[in-house]
Amino acid sequence: MFERCHSPHEVAHLLRHRYGLPVQLLAGRPMITTGSILGGLVMPPELGRKVLATLDRTYTAPVIADPGECAWTFLVTQPSPANPVDISVRRCLAGHQVTVIPGGRYVLLPSTDSRLGWHWAGEPAPGVLHMPPRSAVINTVQQVTTMRAPA
């Protein structure tokens, strides 16, 4: 996908126009900022694979893997600030090494097709950006970790 990109600006342009991502460049790296448009959840890849497989039945989930495959970041719709994640749910998620990314944080985006760099573990569909609701990803984590029984 990135084989024709020769600069960070070309990568950012491709990500904006192919997926509708609100990309910005910081120090020559394509990234997005969590906040009013989107959020993120970070988890270990083993758990991420289970969550992605379960979500794929209902949602397309953009998922970014870091270069060492140590963490997967699920991009999600950001609910209103009036709907924070309950502290008890955050504690349960933390027990499975899942973190809800707070607003105002940077998330690095893929800029290479190589698994040695930031890459897609779950590539978004081309066109208008579609992300699962944050609550759907949290519910799926709870389901696959048996934190609670599936509905």
N, C-alpha and C. Protein backbone atom coordinates (compact mmCIF):
# COMPACT_ATOMS: atom_id res chain seq x y z
N MET A 1 0.82 -1.18 0.00
CA MET A 1 0.00 0.00 0.00
C MET A 1 0.87 1.26 0.00
N PHE A 2 1.96 1.25 0.74
CA PHE A 2 2.81 2.44 0.88
C PHE A 2 3.95 2.47 -0.13
N GLU A 3 4.02 1.49 -1.03
CA GLU A 3 5.16 1.38 -1.93
C GLU A 3 5.38 2.61 -2.82
N ARG A 4 4.33 3.36 -3.10
CA ARG A 4 4.47 4.55 -3.95
C ARG A 4 4.67 5.84 -3.14
N CYS A 5 4.72 5.72 -1.83
CA CYS A 5 4.92 6.90 -0.99
C CYS A 5 6.41 7.14 -0.79
N HIS A 6 6.85 8.37 -1.06
CA HIS A 6 8.27 8.70 -0.95
C HIS A 6 8.56 9.72 0.13
N SER A 7 7.51 10.14 0.85
CA SER A 7 7.72 11.11 1.91
C SER A 7 6.62 10.96 2.96
N PRO A 8 6.84 11.47 4.16
CA PRO A 8 5.78 11.43 5.18
C PRO A 8 4.50 12.14 4.73
N HIS A 9 4.66 13.20 3.93
CA HIS A 9 3.48 13.93 3.44
C HIS A 9 2.64 13.04 2.51
N GLU A 10 3.30 12.25 1.69
CA GLU A 10 2.58 11.33 0.81
C GLU A 10 1.88 10.24 1.61
N VAL A 11 2.51 9.76 2.67
CA VAL A 11 1.89 8.76 3.54
C VAL A 11 0.65 9.35 4.20
N ALA A 12 0.77 10.56 4.75
CA ALA A 12 -0.36 11.21 5.40
C ALA A 12 -1.50 11.43 4.41
N HIS A 13 -1.18 11.86 3.21
CA HIS A 13 -2.19 12.08 2.18
C HIS A 13 -2.91 10.77 1.86
N LEU A 14 -2.16 9.70 1.70
CA LEU A 14 -2.75 8.39 1.40
C LEU A 14 -3.70 7.96 2.53
N LEU A 15 -3.26 8.09 3.77
CA LEU A 15 -4.11 7.69 4.90
C LEU A 15 -5.37 8.54 5.01
N ARG A 16 -5.24 9.83 4.73
CA ARG A 16 -6.41 10.72 4.77
C ARG A 16 -7.42 10.36 3.69
N HIS A 17 -6.92 10.19 2.49
CA HIS A 17 -7.83 10.01 1.35
C HIS A 17 -8.31 8.57 1.18
N ARG A 18 -7.51 7.62 1.57
CA ARG A 18 -7.95 6.22 1.42
C ARG A 18 -8.92 5.81 2.53
N TYR A 19 -8.65 6.25 3.78
CA TYR A 19 -9.44 5.78 4.92
C TYR A 19 -10.25 6.86 5.63
N GLY A 20 -10.01 8.11 5.30
CA GLY A 20 -10.70 9.20 5.99
C GLY A 20 -10.17 9.48 7.37
N LEU A 21 -8.94 9.08 7.64
CA LEU A 21 -8.33 9.32 8.95
C LEU A 21 -7.91 10.78 9.10
N PRO A 22 -8.15 11.38 10.26
CA PRO A 22 -7.73 12.77 10.49
C PRO A 22 -6.24 12.84 10.83
N VAL A 23 -5.41 12.59 9.83
CA VAL A 23 -3.96 12.46 10.02
C VAL A 23 -3.29 13.82 10.13
N GLN A 24 -2.31 13.87 11.00
CA GLN A 24 -1.43 15.03 11.10
C GLN A 24 -0.01 14.49 11.15
N LEU A 25 0.93 15.33 10.82
CA LEU A 25 2.34 14.94 10.91
C LEU A 25 2.97 15.61 12.11
N LEU A 26 3.70 14.84 12.88
CA LEU A 26 4.44 15.37 14.01
C LEU A 26 5.83 14.75 13.94
N ALA A 27 6.82 15.59 13.80
CA ALA A 27 8.21 15.13 13.65
C ALA A 27 8.33 14.14 12.48
N GLY A 28 7.56 14.40 11.40
CA GLY A 28 7.64 13.57 10.21
C GLY A 28 6.93 12.23 10.32
N ARG A 29 6.16 12.02 11.39
CA ARG A 29 5.44 10.76 11.58
C ARG A 29 3.94 11.00 11.45
N PRO A 30 3.25 10.15 10.67
CA PRO A 30 1.79 10.30 10.59
C PRO A 30 1.14 9.80 11.88
N MET A 31 0.23 10.61 12.41
CA MET A 31 -0.45 10.23 13.64
C MET A 31 -1.81 10.89 13.70
N ILE A 32 -2.59 10.42 14.65
CA ILE A 32 -3.88 11.03 14.94
C ILE A 32 -3.88 11.39 16.41
N THR A 33 -4.78 12.28 16.79
CA THR A 33 -4.92 12.68 18.18
C THR A 33 -6.27 12.20 18.68
N THR A 34 -6.27 11.51 19.81
CA THR A 34 -7.54 11.07 20.39
C THR A 34 -8.28 12.29 20.92
N GLY A 35 -9.58 12.19 20.93
CA GLY A 35 -10.37 13.31 21.42
C GLY A 35 -11.81 13.20 20.98
N SER A 36 -12.34 14.27 20.42
CA SER A 36 -13.76 14.32 20.09
C SER A 36 -14.15 13.45 18.91
N ILE A 37 -13.22 13.14 18.01
CA ILE A 37 -13.55 12.36 16.82
C ILE A 37 -13.34 10.87 17.05
N LEU A 38 -12.24 10.52 17.67
CA LEU A 38 -11.96 9.10 17.86
C LEU A 38 -11.19 8.87 19.14
N GLY A 39 -11.22 7.62 19.55
CA GLY A 39 -10.50 7.20 20.74
C GLY A 39 -9.74 5.92 20.43
N GLY A 40 -9.19 5.33 21.45
CA GLY A 40 -8.45 4.09 21.24
C GLY A 40 -8.37 3.26 22.49
N LEU A 41 -8.18 1.97 22.25
CA LEU A 41 -7.94 1.01 23.33
C LEU A 41 -6.70 0.22 22.94
N VAL A 42 -5.78 0.08 23.87
CA VAL A 42 -4.53 -0.65 23.64
C VAL A 42 -4.60 -1.95 24.41
N MET A 43 -4.16 -3.03 23.76
CA MET A 43 -4.18 -4.35 24.42
C MET A 43 -3.09 -5.24 23.84
N PRO A 44 -2.78 -6.33 24.54
CA PRO A 44 -1.80 -7.28 24.01
C PRO A 44 -2.33 -7.93 22.72
N PRO A 45 -1.44 -8.29 21.81
CA PRO A 45 -1.87 -8.87 20.53
C PRO A 45 -2.69 -10.15 20.67
N GLU A 46 -2.36 -10.99 21.65
CA GLU A 46 -3.11 -12.25 21.80
C GLU A 46 -4.58 -11.96 22.08
N LEU A 47 -4.83 -11.03 22.97
CA LEU A 47 -6.19 -10.62 23.28
C LEU A 47 -6.79 -9.87 22.09
N GLY A 48 -6.00 -9.03 21.45
CA GLY A 48 -6.46 -8.27 20.30
C GLY A 48 -6.96 -9.16 19.18
N ARG A 49 -6.28 -10.29 18.93
CA ARG A 49 -6.71 -11.22 17.88
C ARG A 49 -8.10 -11.78 18.18
N LYS A 50 -8.33 -12.14 19.44
CA LYS A 50 -9.64 -12.66 19.84
C LYS A 50 -10.72 -11.59 19.71
N VAL A 51 -10.40 -10.39 20.15
CA VAL A 51 -11.36 -9.28 20.08
C VAL A 51 -11.67 -8.96 18.63
N LEU A 52 -10.64 -8.87 17.79
CA LEU A 52 -10.84 -8.55 16.37
C LEU A 52 -11.68 -9.61 15.68
N ALA A 53 -11.38 -10.88 15.95
CA ALA A 53 -12.15 -11.96 15.33
C ALA A 53 -13.62 -11.90 15.74
N THR A 54 -13.89 -11.56 16.98
CA THR A 54 -15.27 -11.47 17.46
C THR A 54 -15.95 -10.23 16.89
N LEU A 55 -15.25 -9.12 16.87
CA LEU A 55 -15.82 -7.87 16.33
C LEU A 55 -16.11 -7.96 14.85
N ASP A 56 -15.27 -8.69 14.10
CA ASP A 56 -15.42 -8.75 12.64
C ASP A 56 -16.79 -9.24 12.21
N ARG A 57 -17.52 -9.89 13.10
CA ARG A 57 -18.87 -10.34 12.75
C ARG A 57 -19.82 -9.15 12.65
N THR A 58 -19.50 -8.05 13.32
CA THR A 58 -20.40 -6.90 13.38
C THR A 58 -19.77 -5.61 12.88
N TYR A 59 -18.49 -5.37 13.19
CA TYR A 59 -17.84 -4.10 12.91
C TYR A 59 -16.53 -4.29 12.15
N THR A 60 -16.20 -3.29 11.34
CA THR A 60 -14.85 -3.18 10.80
C THR A 60 -14.06 -2.40 11.84
N ALA A 61 -12.97 -2.96 12.30
CA ALA A 61 -12.21 -2.32 13.36
C ALA A 61 -10.79 -2.01 12.88
N PRO A 62 -10.45 -0.74 12.73
CA PRO A 62 -9.06 -0.39 12.42
C PRO A 62 -8.18 -0.69 13.63
N VAL A 63 -7.13 -1.48 13.40
CA VAL A 63 -6.24 -1.87 14.49
C VAL A 63 -4.80 -1.69 14.04
N ILE A 64 -4.03 -1.00 14.86
CA ILE A 64 -2.63 -0.71 14.56
C ILE A 64 -1.75 -1.56 15.47
N ALA A 65 -0.77 -2.23 14.87
CA ALA A 65 0.21 -3.02 15.64
C ALA A 65 1.52 -2.25 15.69
N ASP A 66 2.17 -2.29 16.83
CA ASP A 66 3.46 -1.62 16.94
C ASP A 66 4.54 -2.49 16.30
N PRO A 67 5.75 -1.94 16.09
CA PRO A 67 6.79 -2.69 15.38
C PRO A 67 7.15 -4.03 16.00
N GLY A 68 7.12 -4.16 17.28
CA GLY A 68 7.50 -5.42 17.91
C GLY A 68 6.33 -6.34 18.20
N GLU A 69 5.13 -5.96 17.73
CA GLU A 69 3.90 -6.73 18.00
C GLU A 69 3.71 -6.91 19.51
N CYS A 70 4.03 -5.86 20.27
CA CYS A 70 3.83 -5.90 21.72
C CYS A 70 2.46 -5.38 22.11
N ALA A 71 1.88 -4.53 21.25
CA ALA A 71 0.58 -3.94 21.58
C ALA A 71 -0.21 -3.67 20.30
N TRP A 72 -1.51 -3.83 20.41
CA TRP A 72 -2.44 -3.48 19.34
C TRP A 72 -3.30 -2.33 19.83
N THR A 73 -3.53 -1.36 18.96
CA THR A 73 -4.38 -0.22 19.29
C THR A 73 -5.62 -0.26 18.40
N PHE A 74 -6.78 -0.41 19.02
CA PHE A 74 -8.06 -0.38 18.32
C PHE A 74 -8.53 1.06 18.26
N LEU A 75 -8.82 1.55 17.06
CA LEU A 75 -9.40 2.88 16.90
C LEU A 75 -10.91 2.74 17.05
N VAL A 76 -11.48 3.58 17.88
CA VAL A 76 -12.91 3.49 18.20
C VAL A 76 -13.55 4.87 18.13
N THR A 77 -14.89 4.89 18.01
CA THR A 77 -15.58 6.17 18.09
C THR A 77 -15.50 6.64 19.53
N GLN A 78 -15.38 7.92 19.68
CA GLN A 78 -15.26 8.50 21.02
C GLN A 78 -16.63 8.95 21.51
N PRO A 79 -17.10 8.40 22.61
CA PRO A 79 -18.38 8.87 23.14
C PRO A 79 -18.23 10.25 23.75
N SER A 80 -19.32 10.85 24.09
CA SER A 80 -19.28 12.18 24.69
C SER A 80 -18.53 12.12 26.03
N PRO A 81 -17.94 13.23 26.43
CA PRO A 81 -17.23 13.26 27.72
C PRO A 81 -18.14 12.91 28.89
N ALA A 82 -19.45 13.06 28.69
CA ALA A 82 -20.39 12.75 29.77
C ALA A 82 -20.54 11.24 29.97
N ASN A 83 -19.87 10.43 29.12
CA ASN A 83 -19.99 8.98 29.19
C ASN A 83 -18.62 8.33 29.40
N PRO A 84 -17.97 8.61 30.54
CA PRO A 84 -16.65 8.03 30.78
C PRO A 84 -16.75 6.53 31.11
N VAL A 85 -15.62 5.84 30.97
CA VAL A 85 -15.57 4.43 31.32
C VAL A 85 -15.51 4.34 32.85
N ASP A 86 -16.41 3.57 33.42
CA ASP A 86 -16.49 3.40 34.86
C ASP A 86 -15.15 2.90 35.41
N ILE A 87 -14.78 3.38 36.57
CA ILE A 87 -13.49 3.02 37.18
C ILE A 87 -13.38 1.52 37.45
N SER A 88 -14.48 0.86 37.81
CA SER A 88 -14.41 -0.59 38.05
C SER A 88 -14.16 -1.34 36.74
N VAL A 89 -14.72 -0.84 35.64
CA VAL A 89 -14.47 -1.46 34.33
C VAL A 89 -13.02 -1.22 33.94
N ARG A 90 -12.50 0.00 34.17
CA ARG A 90 -11.09 0.28 33.87
C ARG A 90 -10.16 -0.66 34.64
N ARG A 91 -10.49 -0.92 35.90
CA ARG A 91 -9.66 -1.82 36.71
C ARG A 91 -9.67 -3.24 36.14
N CYS A 92 -10.85 -3.70 35.75
CA CYS A 92 -10.96 -5.04 35.15
C CYS A 92 -10.19 -5.10 33.84
N LEU A 93 -10.33 -4.06 33.02
CA LEU A 93 -9.59 -4.02 31.76
C LEU A 93 -8.08 -4.02 32.02
N ALA A 94 -7.65 -3.24 33.01
CA ALA A 94 -6.23 -3.17 33.34
C ALA A 94 -5.70 -4.54 33.76
N GLY A 95 -6.54 -5.34 34.39
CA GLY A 95 -6.14 -6.70 34.76
C GLY A 95 -5.83 -7.57 33.56
N HIS A 96 -6.31 -7.17 32.39
CA HIS A 96 -6.03 -7.88 31.13
C HIS A 96 -5.11 -7.06 30.24
N GLN A 97 -4.44 -6.08 30.83
CA GLN A 97 -3.48 -5.20 30.14
C GLN A 97 -4.15 -4.40 29.03
N VAL A 98 -5.40 -3.98 29.25
CA VAL A 98 -6.12 -3.14 28.30
C VAL A 98 -6.19 -1.73 28.87
N THR A 99 -5.83 -0.76 28.05
CA THR A 99 -5.84 0.64 28.45
C THR A 99 -6.76 1.44 27.54
N VAL A 100 -7.60 2.26 28.14
CA VAL A 100 -8.41 3.21 27.39
C VAL A 100 -7.55 4.47 27.22
N ILE A 101 -7.28 4.85 25.98
CA ILE A 101 -6.43 6.00 25.73
C ILE A 101 -7.21 7.28 26.03
N PRO A 102 -6.67 8.13 26.90
CA PRO A 102 -7.35 9.40 27.20
C PRO A 102 -7.31 10.35 26.00
N GLY A 103 -8.19 11.32 26.00
CA GLY A 103 -8.21 12.34 24.95
C GLY A 103 -6.93 13.15 24.95
N GLY A 104 -6.56 13.63 23.77
CA GLY A 104 -5.37 14.47 23.64
C GLY A 104 -4.07 13.71 23.48
N ARG A 105 -4.14 12.40 23.32
CA ARG A 105 -2.92 11.59 23.14
C ARG A 105 -2.70 11.28 21.67
N TYR A 106 -1.45 11.13 21.30
CA TYR A 106 -1.09 10.80 19.92
C TYR A 106 -1.07 9.29 19.73
N VAL A 107 -1.56 8.85 18.57
CA VAL A 107 -1.50 7.44 18.18
C VAL A 107 -0.76 7.41 16.84
N LEU A 108 0.38 6.73 16.82
CA LEU A 108 1.15 6.60 15.58
C LEU A 108 0.39 5.72 14.60
N LEU A 109 0.46 6.08 13.32
CA LEU A 109 -0.22 5.33 12.27
C LEU A 109 0.79 4.57 11.43
N PRO A 110 0.35 3.53 10.75
CA PRO A 110 1.26 2.81 9.86
C PRO A 110 1.82 3.73 8.78
N SER A 111 3.08 3.50 8.45
CA SER A 111 3.71 4.26 7.37
C SER A 111 4.53 3.34 6.47
N THR A 112 4.39 2.05 6.70
CA THR A 112 5.11 1.05 5.91
C THR A 112 4.26 -0.21 5.84
N ASP A 113 4.53 -1.02 4.84
CA ASP A 113 3.85 -2.31 4.73
C ASP A 113 4.60 -3.39 5.50
N SER A 114 5.78 -3.07 5.98
CA SER A 114 6.61 -4.03 6.70
C SER A 114 6.10 -4.24 8.12
N ARG A 115 6.16 -5.46 8.59
CA ARG A 115 5.78 -5.77 9.96
C ARG A 115 6.87 -5.29 10.93
N LEU A 116 7.98 -4.79 10.39
CA LEU A 116 9.04 -4.26 11.24
C LEU A 116 8.74 -2.83 11.69
N GLY A 117 7.72 -2.22 11.10
CA GLY A 117 7.30 -0.87 11.49
C GLY A 117 5.86 -0.91 11.98
N TRP A 118 5.30 0.27 12.28
CA TRP A 118 3.90 0.35 12.66
C TRP A 118 3.09 -0.13 11.47
N HIS A 119 2.18 -1.08 11.67
CA HIS A 119 1.44 -1.66 10.55
C HIS A 119 0.01 -1.99 10.96
N TRP A 120 -0.83 -2.26 9.97
CA TRP A 120 -2.22 -2.60 10.24
C TRP A 120 -2.33 -4.05 10.70
N ALA A 121 -2.93 -4.26 11.84
CA ALA A 121 -3.32 -5.61 12.27
C ALA A 121 -4.75 -5.85 11.79
N GLY A 122 -5.51 -4.76 11.66
CA GLY A 122 -6.86 -4.78 11.11
C GLY A 122 -6.99 -3.53 10.25
N GLU A 123 -6.85 -3.69 8.95
CA GLU A 123 -6.87 -2.54 8.05
C GLU A 123 -8.28 -2.00 7.91
N PRO A 124 -8.42 -0.67 7.99
CA PRO A 124 -9.76 -0.10 7.81
C PRO A 124 -10.23 -0.29 6.37
N ALA A 125 -11.53 -0.27 6.19
CA ALA A 125 -12.09 -0.33 4.85
C ALA A 125 -11.85 1.01 4.17
N PRO A 126 -11.52 1.00 2.88
CA PRO A 126 -11.37 2.27 2.16
C PRO A 126 -12.68 3.06 2.16
N GLY A 127 -12.56 4.38 2.08
CA GLY A 127 -13.74 5.25 2.05
C GLY A 127 -13.90 5.98 3.35
N VAL A 128 -15.13 6.27 3.67
CA VAL A 128 -15.44 6.98 4.91
C VAL A 128 -14.99 6.11 6.09
N LEU A 129 -14.34 6.74 7.05
CA LEU A 129 -13.82 6.00 8.21
C LEU A 129 -14.95 5.43 9.04
N HIS A 130 -14.91 4.13 9.25
CA HIS A 130 -15.86 3.44 10.11
C HIS A 130 -15.08 2.78 11.24
N MET A 131 -15.53 3.05 12.46
CA MET A 131 -14.88 2.46 13.64
C MET A 131 -15.97 1.91 14.53
N PRO A 132 -15.65 0.89 15.31
CA PRO A 132 -16.64 0.39 16.26
C PRO A 132 -16.79 1.36 17.42
N PRO A 133 -17.95 1.37 18.06
CA PRO A 133 -18.09 2.17 19.28
C PRO A 133 -17.13 1.65 20.35
N ARG A 134 -16.63 2.55 21.18
CA ARG A 134 -15.74 2.15 22.26
C ARG A 134 -16.40 1.10 23.13
N SER A 135 -17.70 1.27 23.40
CA SER A 135 -18.42 0.32 24.25
C SER A 135 -18.45 -1.08 23.64
N ALA A 136 -18.51 -1.16 22.30
CA ALA A 136 -18.54 -2.48 21.64
C ALA A 136 -17.21 -3.21 21.83
N VAL A 137 -16.10 -2.47 21.75
CA VAL A 137 -14.79 -3.10 21.94
C VAL A 137 -14.63 -3.51 23.41
N ILE A 138 -15.04 -2.65 24.33
CA ILE A 138 -14.95 -2.99 25.75
C ILE A 138 -15.81 -4.21 26.05
N ASN A 139 -17.03 -4.25 25.53
CA ASN A 139 -17.91 -5.41 25.74
C ASN A 139 -17.30 -6.68 25.16
N THR A 140 -16.64 -6.56 24.01
CA THR A 140 -16.01 -7.73 23.40
C THR A 140 -14.83 -8.20 24.23
N VAL A 141 -14.04 -7.27 24.77
CA VAL A 141 -12.95 -7.66 25.67
C VAL A 141 -13.52 -8.42 26.86
N GLN A 142 -14.59 -7.88 27.43
CA GLN A 142 -15.22 -8.55 28.57
C GLN A 142 -15.72 -9.94 28.19
N GLN A 143 -16.27 -10.05 27.01
CA GLN A 143 -16.80 -11.33 26.54
C GLN A 143 -15.69 -12.36 26.36
N VAL A 144 -14.62 -12.00 25.64
CA VAL A 144 -13.58 -12.98 25.33
C VAL A 144 -12.69 -13.29 26.53
N THR A 145 -12.67 -12.41 27.53
CA THR A 145 -11.88 -12.69 28.74
C THR A 145 -12.77 -13.27 29.83
N THR A 146 -14.01 -13.48 29.51
CA THR A 146 -15.02 -13.99 30.45
C THR A 146 -15.13 -13.13 31.70
N MET A 147 -14.86 -11.80 31.53
CA MET A 147 -15.10 -10.88 32.64
C MET A 147 -16.60 -10.85 32.93
N ARG A 148 -17.36 -11.12 31.88
CA ARG A 148 -18.80 -11.28 32.05
C ARG A 148 -19.29 -12.16 30.91
N ALA A 149 -20.41 -12.79 31.08
CA ALA A 149 -20.96 -13.68 30.07
C ALA A 149 -21.46 -12.87 28.88
N PRO A 150 -21.37 -13.41 27.64
CA PRO A 150 -21.90 -12.71 26.49
C PRO A 150 -23.41 -12.51 26.61
N ALA A 151 -23.88 -11.38 26.07
CA ALA A 151 -25.31 -11.06 26.14
C ALA A 151 -26.14 -11.94 25.23
